Amino acid sequence: MKYIGPHVSAAGGVQNAPLNARNINATAFGLFTKNQRQWKATPLTADTIDAFHKNMEVCGYSPCQVLPHDSYLINIGNPDSDKRNRATEALEDELYRCEQLGLPWLNIHPGSHLGIIDETECLSLIAQSINRIFDTIHTAGIVLETTAGQGTNVGYRFEHLAGIIDKVDDKSRIGVCIDTCHIVAAGYDIRDKSGFDSVMDEFEKVIGGDYIRGAHLNDIKSEPGSRVDRHESIGKGNMGLEPFRLLMNHRFFDNIPLILETIDDSLWPDEIAMLYDFECKQHDQE
C-alpha cells in the first residue's frame, strides 16, 4: 500500500491539517507542528491535541500516514556550540510536539558545517545532538532527509546518513526520507530504470532499505547533479515521469508517507491520482 499526499497547511492550528488533506483525497500528509520560521512556539493545548486526534480519526488517517517536518531554522550540526544547543533544544521541543500528537516520526534536514568544520565532524555533532534529544524524548523518532548538497549542507551522500545512523545509540528511532529532487540534484540519477535500480541497490548496500520511513516526491527544476535545490511539479521538470512510476512500484516505498512538496498546490489532486494510476497500471501488467 502506498500513502500519498502533500505537505498541507496547519493554519489555525494543527488540528486542521487532517481536514485539509482529506479535502484533496490525500492518503498521507506532511505538516509543520509550529511556525517553521520562528524559534519559539506556543505549547500545544489539550484541546488542540484532542481535536487533532479526533480529526485524524474522522478523516481515516493513522499516525503512520503522517510525516511532520521540522523548522528551517534548525541546524544541529552547527559548529558554534551555543547555536547548536539552541537548535538542539528547538528540535527537542518539536519532537515533543510530535509525541503529544501521537506521531511517530519527525523529518529533519541533517545540518550544515557552514564551512567552518569538515563534513565528518559535522556528522558527528548531528549524531551527538540526536542522542541528547533521545535521552529526553522517549518514543518519537527522527527521519534524516536526503539533501541536494546545496551550500554547506551535509546529507547529500548516502554515506553521510549512514555515518550519522552509525553513531546514534537507539537505531530503532532513526530513519531516512528520500527526496527525489534532492537525490537527483546530488548526482543520483534515477531517471530511467537502470539508474533507479542502481541507486536503490546502492541505498540498500550503504544504509539499508528498512531505514526508509518516508519520501518527498518532487520533480527537479535545476539540472541533475547541480547540487541546486529547486522543486518542480511532477512531470514538469528535468526528471520526467519514469522515476515516479518506478518508485510507485518499489517495495522500499510501501506503507510509508509519500509527501508531495511540488510547487503548484492546484495540481496536487491530479498528482495524487496520477501516482496511483502508475501503481495500478503496473499491477495490471503483472
Protein backbone atom coordinates (compact mmCIF):
# COMPACT_ATOMS: atom_id res chain seq x y z
CA MET A 1 0.00 0.00 0.00
CA LYS A 2 1.26 3.44 -0.94
CA TYR A 3 0.19 6.51 1.06
CA ILE A 4 0.36 9.78 -0.91
CA GLY A 5 -0.40 13.40 -0.11
CA PRO A 6 1.09 16.89 0.09
CA HIS A 7 2.60 18.95 2.85
CA VAL A 8 -0.62 20.69 3.93
CA SER A 9 -1.31 23.92 5.76
CA ALA A 10 -1.86 23.84 9.51
CA ALA A 11 -3.07 27.45 9.60
CA GLY A 12 -5.42 27.98 12.50
CA GLY A 13 -3.97 25.01 14.36
CA VAL A 14 -2.50 21.57 13.67
CA GLN A 15 -5.98 20.07 14.08
CA ASN A 16 -6.86 21.49 10.65
CA ALA A 17 -4.16 19.57 8.80
CA PRO A 18 -6.07 16.26 8.50
CA LEU A 19 -9.12 18.14 7.21
CA ASN A 20 -7.04 19.93 4.58
CA ALA A 21 -5.53 16.63 3.45
CA ARG A 22 -8.90 14.91 3.19
CA ASN A 23 -10.26 17.76 1.05
CA ILE A 24 -7.93 16.75 -1.79
CA ASN A 25 -8.30 12.96 -1.35
CA ALA A 26 -4.83 12.54 0.10
CA THR A 27 -3.95 9.28 1.85
CA ALA A 28 -0.94 10.83 3.58
CA PHE A 29 0.17 14.31 4.53
CA GLY A 30 3.03 16.36 5.92
CA LEU A 31 2.77 19.40 8.16
CA PHE A 32 4.65 21.79 10.39
CA THR A 33 3.58 21.48 14.03
CA LYS A 34 4.64 25.11 14.61
CA ASN A 35 5.65 28.15 12.58
CA GLN A 36 8.67 26.87 10.65
CA ARG A 37 10.36 30.27 10.52
CA GLN A 38 10.28 31.05 14.23
CA TRP A 39 12.28 29.59 17.12
CA LYS A 40 9.58 29.73 19.76
CA ALA A 41 6.04 28.36 19.64
CA THR A 42 3.06 28.41 21.95
CA PRO A 43 2.74 24.97 23.57
CA LEU A 44 0.02 22.71 22.21
CA THR A 45 -3.08 22.81 24.38
CA ALA A 46 -5.06 19.76 25.46
CA ASP A 47 -7.98 20.97 23.32
CA THR A 48 -5.77 21.25 20.22
CA ILE A 49 -4.30 17.79 20.78
CA ASP A 50 -7.74 16.27 21.30
CA ALA A 51 -9.08 17.99 18.18
CA PHE A 52 -6.13 16.72 16.13
CA HIS A 53 -6.74 13.13 17.28
CA LYS A 54 -10.48 13.46 16.56
CA ASN A 55 -9.90 14.82 13.06
CA MET A 56 -7.34 12.11 12.34
CA GLU A 57 -9.96 9.51 13.24
CA VAL A 58 -12.80 11.22 11.37
CA CYS A 59 -10.66 11.57 8.23
CA GLY A 60 -9.38 8.00 8.43
CA TYR A 61 -5.69 8.69 8.93
CA SER A 62 -3.37 6.65 11.11
CA PRO A 63 -0.12 8.11 12.51
CA CYS A 64 1.95 6.09 10.02
CA GLN A 65 0.41 8.15 7.19
CA VAL A 66 1.79 11.45 8.53
CA LEU A 67 5.31 12.87 8.29
CA PRO A 68 5.82 16.21 10.08
CA HIS A 69 8.73 18.47 9.09
CA ASP A 70 10.88 20.49 11.47
CA SER A 71 11.70 24.21 11.32
CA TYR A 72 14.02 25.51 8.60
CA LEU A 73 15.99 27.38 11.28
CA ILE A 74 17.32 24.26 12.98
CA ASN A 75 20.94 23.20 12.39
CA ILE A 76 22.05 20.57 14.90
CA GLY A 77 25.40 20.30 13.12
CA ASN A 78 26.29 23.94 13.77
CA PRO A 79 29.97 24.25 14.76
CA ASP A 80 29.12 27.00 17.27
CA SER A 81 28.19 25.20 20.49
CA ASP A 82 25.78 27.88 21.72
CA LYS A 83 23.89 27.97 18.42
CA ARG A 84 23.92 24.17 18.22
CA ASN A 85 22.48 23.95 21.74
CA ARG A 86 19.71 26.35 20.77
CA ALA A 87 18.95 24.27 17.68
CA THR A 88 19.01 21.03 19.66
CA GLU A 89 16.59 22.42 22.24
CA ALA A 90 14.28 23.61 19.46
CA LEU A 91 14.36 20.19 17.80
CA GLU A 92 13.68 18.53 21.14
CA ASP A 93 10.58 20.71 21.52
CA GLU A 94 9.40 19.78 18.02
CA LEU A 95 9.87 16.08 18.72
CA TYR A 96 7.93 16.51 21.95
CA ARG A 97 5.08 18.07 19.95
CA CYS A 98 5.07 15.01 17.69
CA GLU A 99 4.95 12.80 20.76
CA GLN A 100 1.96 14.78 22.08
CA LEU A 101 0.15 14.35 18.75
CA GLY A 102 0.91 10.63 18.64
CA LEU A 103 3.06 10.95 15.51
CA PRO A 104 5.97 8.52 15.36
CA TRP A 105 8.45 10.42 13.18
CA LEU A 106 9.77 13.94 12.57
CA ASN A 107 11.56 14.71 9.29
CA ILE A 108 14.66 16.95 9.57
CA HIS A 109 17.38 18.31 7.32
CA PRO A 110 20.53 16.85 8.89
CA GLY A 111 22.54 20.06 9.20
CA SER A 112 25.30 22.27 7.82
CA HIS A 113 29.00 22.68 8.63
CA LEU A 114 28.92 26.35 7.46
CA GLY A 115 32.42 25.99 6.01
CA ILE A 116 33.95 26.02 9.50
CA ILE A 117 34.49 22.31 10.16
CA ASP A 118 34.72 19.32 7.84
CA GLU A 119 31.78 17.10 6.93
CA THR A 120 32.87 14.21 9.15
CA GLU A 121 32.94 16.39 12.26
CA CYS A 122 29.57 17.87 11.36
CA LEU A 123 28.05 14.40 11.04
CA SER A 124 29.36 13.51 14.50
CA LEU A 125 27.83 16.67 16.01
CA ILE A 126 24.47 15.82 14.43
CA ALA A 127 24.53 12.32 15.94
CA GLN A 128 25.54 13.72 19.34
CA SER A 129 22.61 16.14 19.24
CA ILE A 130 20.18 13.35 18.34
CA ASN A 131 21.45 11.15 21.17
CA ARG A 132 20.98 14.05 23.58
CA ILE A 133 17.39 14.54 22.40
CA PHE A 134 16.60 10.83 22.66
CA ASP A 135 17.66 10.91 26.32
CA THR A 136 14.66 13.20 26.95
CA ILE A 137 12.09 12.26 24.30
CA HIS A 138 11.37 8.56 24.59
CA THR A 139 9.00 7.47 21.79
CA ALA A 140 9.04 9.70 18.67
CA GLY A 141 11.93 9.25 16.24
CA ILE A 142 13.88 11.35 13.74
CA VAL A 143 13.95 10.91 9.97
CA LEU A 144 17.00 12.29 8.16
CA GLU A 145 16.14 13.80 4.79
CA THR A 146 18.46 13.36 1.84
CA THR A 147 19.65 16.80 0.74
CA ALA A 148 20.73 18.31 -2.57
CA GLY A 149 24.10 19.32 -1.11
CA GLN A 150 23.46 23.00 -1.72
CA GLY A 151 25.82 25.34 0.10
CA THR A 152 27.44 23.65 3.09
CA ASN A 153 24.64 21.18 3.83
CA VAL A 154 25.53 17.59 4.62
CA GLY A 155 23.29 14.64 3.85
CA TYR A 156 23.71 14.67 0.07
CA ARG A 157 25.57 11.35 0.05
CA PHE A 158 24.11 8.13 1.38
CA GLU A 159 27.37 7.68 3.28
CA HIS A 160 26.64 10.86 5.26
CA LEU A 161 23.34 9.47 6.52
CA ALA A 162 24.90 6.09 7.24
CA GLY A 163 27.61 7.86 9.26
CA ILE A 164 25.02 9.63 11.41
CA ILE A 165 22.97 6.46 11.91
CA ASP A 166 26.08 4.54 12.93
CA LYS A 167 26.66 6.99 15.81
CA VAL A 168 23.03 7.14 17.01
CA ASP A 169 22.60 4.87 20.01
CA ASP A 170 18.91 3.96 19.51
CA LYS A 171 18.74 2.87 15.89
CA SER A 172 15.07 1.91 16.20
CA ARG A 173 14.25 5.63 16.33
CA ILE A 174 16.30 6.87 13.38
CA GLY A 175 15.28 6.69 9.72
CA VAL A 176 15.68 8.27 6.29
CA CYS A 177 13.41 10.25 3.96
CA ILE A 178 14.37 10.09 0.29
CA ASP A 179 13.63 13.34 -1.52
CA THR A 180 13.56 12.63 -5.26
CA CYS A 181 14.52 16.18 -6.28
CA HIS A 182 17.36 16.26 -3.79
CA ILE A 183 18.96 12.95 -4.73
CA VAL A 184 18.88 13.80 -8.43
CA ALA A 185 20.40 17.21 -7.68
CA ALA A 186 23.06 15.42 -5.63
CA GLY A 187 24.01 13.22 -8.57
CA TYR A 188 21.97 10.05 -8.01
CA ASP A 189 20.42 9.60 -11.45
CA ILE A 190 17.10 7.76 -11.14
CA ARG A 191 15.62 8.97 -14.42
CA ASP A 192 15.48 5.55 -16.08
CA LYS A 193 15.03 2.00 -14.80
CA SER A 194 18.71 1.12 -14.89
CA GLY A 195 19.67 4.20 -12.92
CA PHE A 196 16.76 3.88 -10.50
CA ASP A 197 17.56 0.25 -9.72
CA SER A 198 21.26 1.06 -9.32
CA VAL A 199 20.55 3.89 -6.86
CA MET A 200 18.14 1.77 -4.82
CA ASP A 201 20.71 -1.04 -4.72
CA GLU A 202 23.32 1.46 -3.52
CA PHE A 203 20.97 2.73 -0.82
CA GLU A 204 20.38 -0.85 0.33
CA LYS A 205 24.10 -1.51 0.49
CA VAL A 206 25.12 1.74 2.21
CA ILE A 207 22.17 2.34 4.57
CA GLY A 208 19.51 -0.36 4.21
CA GLY A 209 16.00 -0.12 2.82
CA ASP A 210 14.47 -0.83 6.23
CA TYR A 211 15.57 2.66 7.33
CA ILE A 212 13.29 4.42 4.81
CA ARG A 213 10.45 5.99 6.82
CA GLY A 214 9.13 8.41 4.21
CA ALA A 215 9.75 10.08 0.88
CA HIS A 216 9.29 13.52 -0.66
CA LEU A 217 8.10 13.27 -4.25
CA ASN A 218 9.30 16.24 -6.31
CA ASP A 219 10.46 16.81 -9.86
CA ILE A 220 13.55 18.98 -10.28
CA LYS A 221 13.74 22.41 -11.94
CA SER A 222 17.54 22.64 -11.70
CA GLU A 223 19.98 20.44 -13.60
CA PRO A 224 20.63 16.89 -12.36
CA GLY A 225 23.92 16.74 -10.48
CA SER A 226 23.96 20.52 -9.98
CA ARG A 227 23.51 20.35 -6.18
CA VAL A 228 20.92 23.11 -6.58
CA ASP A 229 17.65 22.52 -4.71
CA ARG A 230 14.74 23.63 -6.92
CA HIS A 231 11.48 21.68 -6.75
CA GLU A 232 9.07 21.33 -9.66
CA SER A 233 5.68 19.73 -10.25
CA ILE A 234 5.78 16.06 -11.22
CA GLY A 235 6.47 15.59 -14.93
CA LYS A 236 7.20 19.28 -15.50
CA GLY A 237 10.90 19.28 -14.62
CA ASN A 238 14.09 17.52 -15.65
CA MET A 239 13.23 14.10 -14.23
CA GLY A 240 10.27 13.07 -16.35
CA LEU A 241 7.59 10.65 -15.19
CA GLU A 242 9.54 7.38 -15.28
CA PRO A 243 11.22 7.63 -11.84
CA PHE A 244 7.84 8.22 -10.19
CA ARG A 245 6.34 5.19 -11.93
CA LEU A 246 9.28 3.11 -10.75
CA LEU A 247 9.05 4.46 -7.20
CA MET A 248 5.33 3.69 -7.02
CA ASN A 249 6.12 0.07 -7.74
CA HIS A 250 9.15 -0.40 -5.49
CA ARG A 251 8.91 -2.20 -2.17
CA PHE A 252 11.03 0.41 -0.33
CA PHE A 253 8.10 2.83 -0.51
CA ASP A 254 5.30 0.60 0.77
CA ASN A 255 3.35 1.61 3.87
CA ILE A 256 5.15 4.92 4.45
CA PRO A 257 4.05 8.52 3.81
CA LEU A 258 4.98 9.78 0.33
CA ILE A 259 4.77 13.55 0.60
CA LEU A 260 4.38 15.96 -2.30
CA GLU A 261 6.35 19.19 -1.92
CA THR A 262 5.69 20.21 -5.51
CA ILE A 263 5.30 23.89 -6.27
CA ASP A 264 1.73 24.18 -7.62
CA ASP A 265 -0.83 23.19 -5.00
CA SER A 266 -3.62 23.34 -7.59
CA LEU A 267 -2.07 20.25 -9.19
CA TRP A 268 -1.91 18.16 -6.02
CA PRO A 269 -5.16 16.22 -6.61
CA ASP A 270 -4.05 15.41 -10.17
CA GLU A 271 -0.58 14.39 -9.00
CA ILE A 272 -2.03 12.05 -6.38
CA ALA A 273 -4.34 10.45 -8.96
CA MET A 274 -1.50 10.12 -11.49
CA LEU A 275 0.80 8.43 -8.99
CA TYR A 276 -1.85 5.90 -8.04
CA ASP A 277 -2.50 5.31 -11.72
CA PHE A 278 1.18 4.39 -12.17
CA GLU A 279 0.79 1.75 -9.46
CA CYS A 280 -2.47 0.37 -10.85
CA LYS A 281 -1.19 0.09 -14.41
CA GLN A 282 1.92 -1.77 -13.27
CA HIS A 283 -0.23 -4.26 -11.35
CA ASP A 284 -2.48 -4.72 -14.40
CA GLN A 285 0.59 -5.69 -16.45
CA GLU A 286 1.76 -8.33 -13.97
